[in-house]
Structure formats: structure tokens, C-alpha cells
Amino acid sequence: MLVLCKALLIAGCDPKPAVPEPPPKVEPAPVKPVSYGLEATVGSVTDGDTLVAVVNGEERKVRILGIDCPEASHNPKCRAIERKTGVSCDDQILAGKRATEAAKQLLQGPIWLEAREPGAELKRDRYGRFLAYVRLEDGRDFGEVMVGEHGCEDFGWKYPHPRNYQAPR
């Protein structure tokens, strides 16, 4: 026994069993956006479904396709909704301001503006705004987030959007 202990000491072995180290903590990789559409930054947020995007140094007013957020100010649309649904303009405006604040938080990084048809140029509405779907920096669809979490209405029935579309890399 004494010979065995001496042999272990000479060999540099520890007679106690080794305690395994815990595996290193692996952080999930962030979702990276797909490269498609026009890359832009947001200059300002008008309301939950309208923003001013900066593309190559040029400002473009953009109306988000596929969603309609509550009104954020008294206007003819707010009054028409009040007459039709009974929801007061004041209540609409409260919800609209919450949606606007949520949009400001979500739109802080780079975004990608997508046309209705992949690869097509952005079209304009009757007010001169560019019409686009918006992809966030983390790859999520902005409209889907606003509908799911911030009280906006899904207008996919009017503006179908392949939200699961993945452009070629």
C-alpha cells in the first residue's frame, strides 16, 4: 500500500476522485436579420404605424403595411371610428399614444423596409408616404409585434404579407 501511494505521488496523481467542472454556460445566438429590403434607420416615429426612415441619408415618410394602430390625435378618422364603433376619440388616442411609445422603443436599431412583393420597389400611397413592411434588427416583423403586443389591428386580409418569407442570403 505504501508503495502504491508513493507511486501515485511520484506520478503526480491525486488519489481523490476528480470533481467534474460544470459545463460552460452557452448563451443562445442572437437572431440575425436576413439581408433584404432597404436598410434604414428611424429618424422619427409619427405614430404606431407611420415613421420617418432615413435611407442613404434621405428621409422617407413610411406607412407600415399590414397593420392599423389606434389614432394618436384627434382627426377625421378618429371621429369616424367613434361614430361607427362608439369608442371615443379620447380612448383611441390613449391606445394610440401607447402604440406610438412602443414603436419608438422597438425602432431604435437599424430596420429593413420591404415592398409588398419581395424585390420590388416601394410604392407610395395617396399622401406620398412610402408603403413598406418593416423588419427589425433582430429579424422580427415590426407589424406582427405591434399587432400581437401593442393593440394594433392586423390588416393582412387587405395587405397579405408573407411574414414567414425568408429572402435568399
Protein backbone atom coordinates (compact mmCIF):
# COMPACT_ATOMS: atom_id res chain seq x y z
CA MET A 1 0.00 0.00 0.00
CA LEU A 2 2.82 2.35 0.87
CA VAL A 3 4.46 1.59 -2.47
CA LEU A 4 1.19 2.39 -4.28
CA CYS A 5 0.87 5.78 -2.52
CA LYS A 6 4.49 6.64 -3.35
CA ALA A 7 3.94 5.66 -6.97
CA LEU A 8 0.83 7.87 -7.17
CA LEU A 9 2.67 10.84 -5.65
CA ILE A 10 5.62 10.41 -8.00
CA ALA A 11 3.31 10.14 -10.99
CA GLY A 12 1.53 13.33 -9.89
CA CYS A 13 -1.83 11.67 -9.48
CA ASP A 14 -4.26 12.64 -6.76
CA PRO A 15 -5.81 9.64 -5.00
CA LYS A 16 -9.11 11.60 -4.54
CA PRO A 17 -11.60 11.31 -7.38
CA ALA A 18 -11.72 14.44 -9.55
CA VAL A 19 -14.86 16.59 -9.33
CA PRO A 20 -16.03 17.40 -12.85
CA GLU A 21 -16.33 21.09 -13.64
CA PRO A 22 -19.78 22.30 -14.67
CA PRO A 23 -20.15 22.77 -18.41
CA PRO A 24 -19.68 26.35 -19.58
CA LYS A 25 -22.88 28.36 -19.90
CA VAL A 26 -23.81 28.70 -23.56
CA GLU A 27 -25.71 31.84 -24.49
CA PRO A 28 -28.15 31.44 -27.37
CA ALA A 29 -27.01 33.15 -30.53
CA PRO A 30 -28.96 36.32 -31.30
CA VAL A 31 -31.38 36.12 -34.18
CA LYS A 32 -29.71 37.89 -37.06
CA PRO A 33 -31.76 39.74 -39.63
CA VAL A 34 -31.95 38.47 -43.14
CA SER A 35 -30.34 40.82 -45.63
CA TYR A 36 -33.13 42.08 -47.82
CA GLY A 37 -35.11 45.21 -48.43
CA LEU A 38 -33.75 48.68 -47.91
CA GLU A 39 -31.62 49.09 -44.82
CA ALA A 40 -32.58 52.22 -42.91
CA THR A 41 -32.55 53.92 -39.56
CA VAL A 42 -35.53 55.65 -37.99
CA GLY A 43 -35.40 59.42 -37.88
CA SER A 44 -38.70 59.73 -36.00
CA VAL A 45 -41.89 57.87 -35.18
CA THR A 46 -45.12 59.65 -36.10
CA ASP A 47 -47.43 57.06 -34.57
CA GLY A 48 -47.69 53.29 -34.24
CA ASP A 49 -47.92 52.67 -37.98
CA THR A 50 -46.05 55.64 -39.51
CA LEU A 51 -42.40 56.61 -39.27
CA VAL A 52 -39.72 58.66 -40.97
CA ALA A 53 -36.95 56.38 -42.21
CA VAL A 54 -33.50 57.54 -43.25
CA VAL A 55 -32.22 55.63 -46.27
CA ASN A 56 -28.78 56.60 -47.60
CA GLY A 57 -29.08 59.97 -45.87
CA GLU A 58 -32.52 60.68 -47.37
CA GLU A 59 -35.64 60.93 -45.19
CA ARG A 60 -38.68 58.95 -46.33
CA LYS A 61 -42.06 59.03 -44.64
CA VAL A 62 -43.21 55.40 -44.39
CA ARG A 63 -46.65 53.93 -43.72
CA ILE A 64 -46.35 50.39 -42.35
CA LEU A 65 -48.27 47.92 -44.49
CA GLY A 66 -50.46 45.25 -42.96
CA ILE A 67 -51.38 47.00 -39.69
CA ASP A 68 -53.55 49.81 -38.42
CA CYS A 69 -52.81 51.26 -35.00
CA PRO A 70 -55.21 53.36 -32.93
CA GLU A 71 -55.22 57.06 -33.71
CA ALA A 72 -52.79 59.15 -31.67
CA SER A 73 -54.52 62.51 -32.26
CA HIS A 74 -57.97 63.96 -32.90
CA ASN A 75 -58.65 63.74 -36.62
CA PRO A 76 -61.49 62.85 -39.03
CA LYS A 77 -60.62 59.14 -38.90
CA CYS A 78 -60.83 59.13 -35.10
CA ARG A 79 -64.27 60.78 -35.22
CA ALA A 80 -65.48 58.35 -37.91
CA ILE A 81 -64.38 55.37 -35.79
CA GLU A 82 -66.13 56.92 -32.78
CA ARG A 83 -69.40 57.21 -34.74
CA LYS A 84 -69.09 53.68 -36.15
CA THR A 85 -67.93 51.79 -33.04
CA GLY A 86 -68.77 54.01 -30.08
CA VAL A 87 -65.12 54.04 -28.95
CA SER A 88 -64.39 57.66 -28.04
CA CYS A 89 -61.59 59.58 -29.68
CA ASP A 90 -60.06 60.07 -26.23
CA ASP A 91 -59.90 56.30 -25.67
CA GLN A 92 -58.48 55.76 -29.15
CA ILE A 93 -55.85 58.42 -28.52
CA LEU A 94 -54.74 56.81 -25.24
CA ALA A 95 -54.27 53.49 -27.04
CA GLY A 96 -52.61 55.27 -29.96
CA LYS A 97 -50.09 57.00 -27.70
CA ARG A 98 -49.22 53.66 -26.07
CA ALA A 99 -48.67 52.15 -29.54
CA THR A 100 -46.53 55.14 -30.54
CA GLU A 101 -44.32 54.75 -27.46
CA ALA A 102 -43.96 51.02 -28.14
CA ALA A 103 -42.94 51.78 -31.73
CA LYS A 104 -40.31 54.25 -30.53
CA GLN A 105 -38.81 51.56 -28.29
CA LEU A 106 -38.86 48.86 -30.98
CA LEU A 107 -37.44 51.02 -33.78
CA GLN A 108 -34.16 52.10 -32.17
CA GLY A 109 -31.77 49.98 -34.24
CA PRO A 110 -31.40 49.52 -37.96
CA ILE A 111 -34.51 48.38 -39.83
CA TRP A 112 -35.24 46.90 -43.24
CA LEU A 113 -38.05 48.24 -45.41
CA GLU A 114 -39.72 45.60 -47.56
CA ALA A 115 -42.02 46.14 -50.52
CA ARG A 116 -45.27 44.21 -50.85
CA GLU A 117 -43.61 41.88 -53.37
CA PRO A 118 -40.08 40.70 -52.49
CA GLY A 119 -37.51 42.55 -54.56
CA ALA A 120 -39.95 45.18 -55.87
CA GLU A 121 -39.58 48.92 -55.34
CA LEU A 122 -41.56 50.62 -52.58
CA LYS A 123 -44.81 52.21 -53.78
CA ARG A 124 -46.43 55.36 -52.42
CA ASP A 125 -49.90 55.97 -51.04
CA ARG A 126 -52.18 58.89 -51.92
CA TYR A 127 -50.45 61.01 -49.25
CA GLY A 128 -46.99 60.44 -50.76
CA ARG A 129 -45.83 58.08 -48.00
CA PHE A 130 -43.79 55.03 -48.95
CA LEU A 131 -45.63 51.79 -48.21
CA ALA A 132 -43.49 49.11 -46.60
CA TYR A 133 -43.33 46.21 -44.23
CA VAL A 134 -40.62 46.69 -41.61
CA ARG A 135 -38.19 44.10 -40.35
CA LEU A 136 -36.48 44.83 -37.02
CA GLU A 137 -32.79 44.42 -36.30
CA ASP A 138 -33.41 41.07 -34.59
CA GLY A 139 -35.31 39.76 -37.63
CA ARG A 140 -38.84 40.10 -36.25
CA ASP A 141 -41.62 41.61 -38.31
CA PHE A 142 -42.49 45.01 -36.77
CA GLY A 143 -46.16 44.78 -37.77
CA GLU A 144 -46.53 41.35 -36.23
CA VAL A 145 -45.09 42.62 -32.94
CA MET A 146 -47.38 45.67 -32.95
CA VAL A 147 -50.46 43.52 -33.62
CA GLY A 148 -49.52 40.86 -31.10
CA GLU A 149 -48.35 43.06 -28.24
CA HIS A 150 -49.40 46.69 -28.73
CA GLY A 151 -53.08 46.89 -29.71
CA CYS A 152 -52.76 47.40 -33.45
CA GLU A 153 -55.12 45.71 -35.89
CA ASP A 154 -53.92 43.14 -38.43
CA PHE A 155 -54.78 44.20 -41.97
CA GLY A 156 -53.34 41.05 -43.53
CA TRP A 157 -56.71 40.44 -45.16
CA LYS A 158 -56.22 43.65 -47.16
CA TYR A 159 -52.43 43.64 -47.46
CA PRO A 160 -51.30 40.00 -47.44
CA HIS A 161 -47.77 39.71 -46.16
CA PRO A 162 -45.65 36.59 -46.26
CA ARG A 163 -44.42 37.19 -42.71
CA ASN A 164 -42.53 33.91 -42.83
CA TYR A 165 -40.78 34.86 -46.08
CA GLN A 166 -37.05 34.31 -45.94
CA ALA A 167 -35.09 36.07 -48.66
CA PRO A 168 -32.03 34.48 -50.18
CA ARG A 169 -28.89 35.26 -48.23
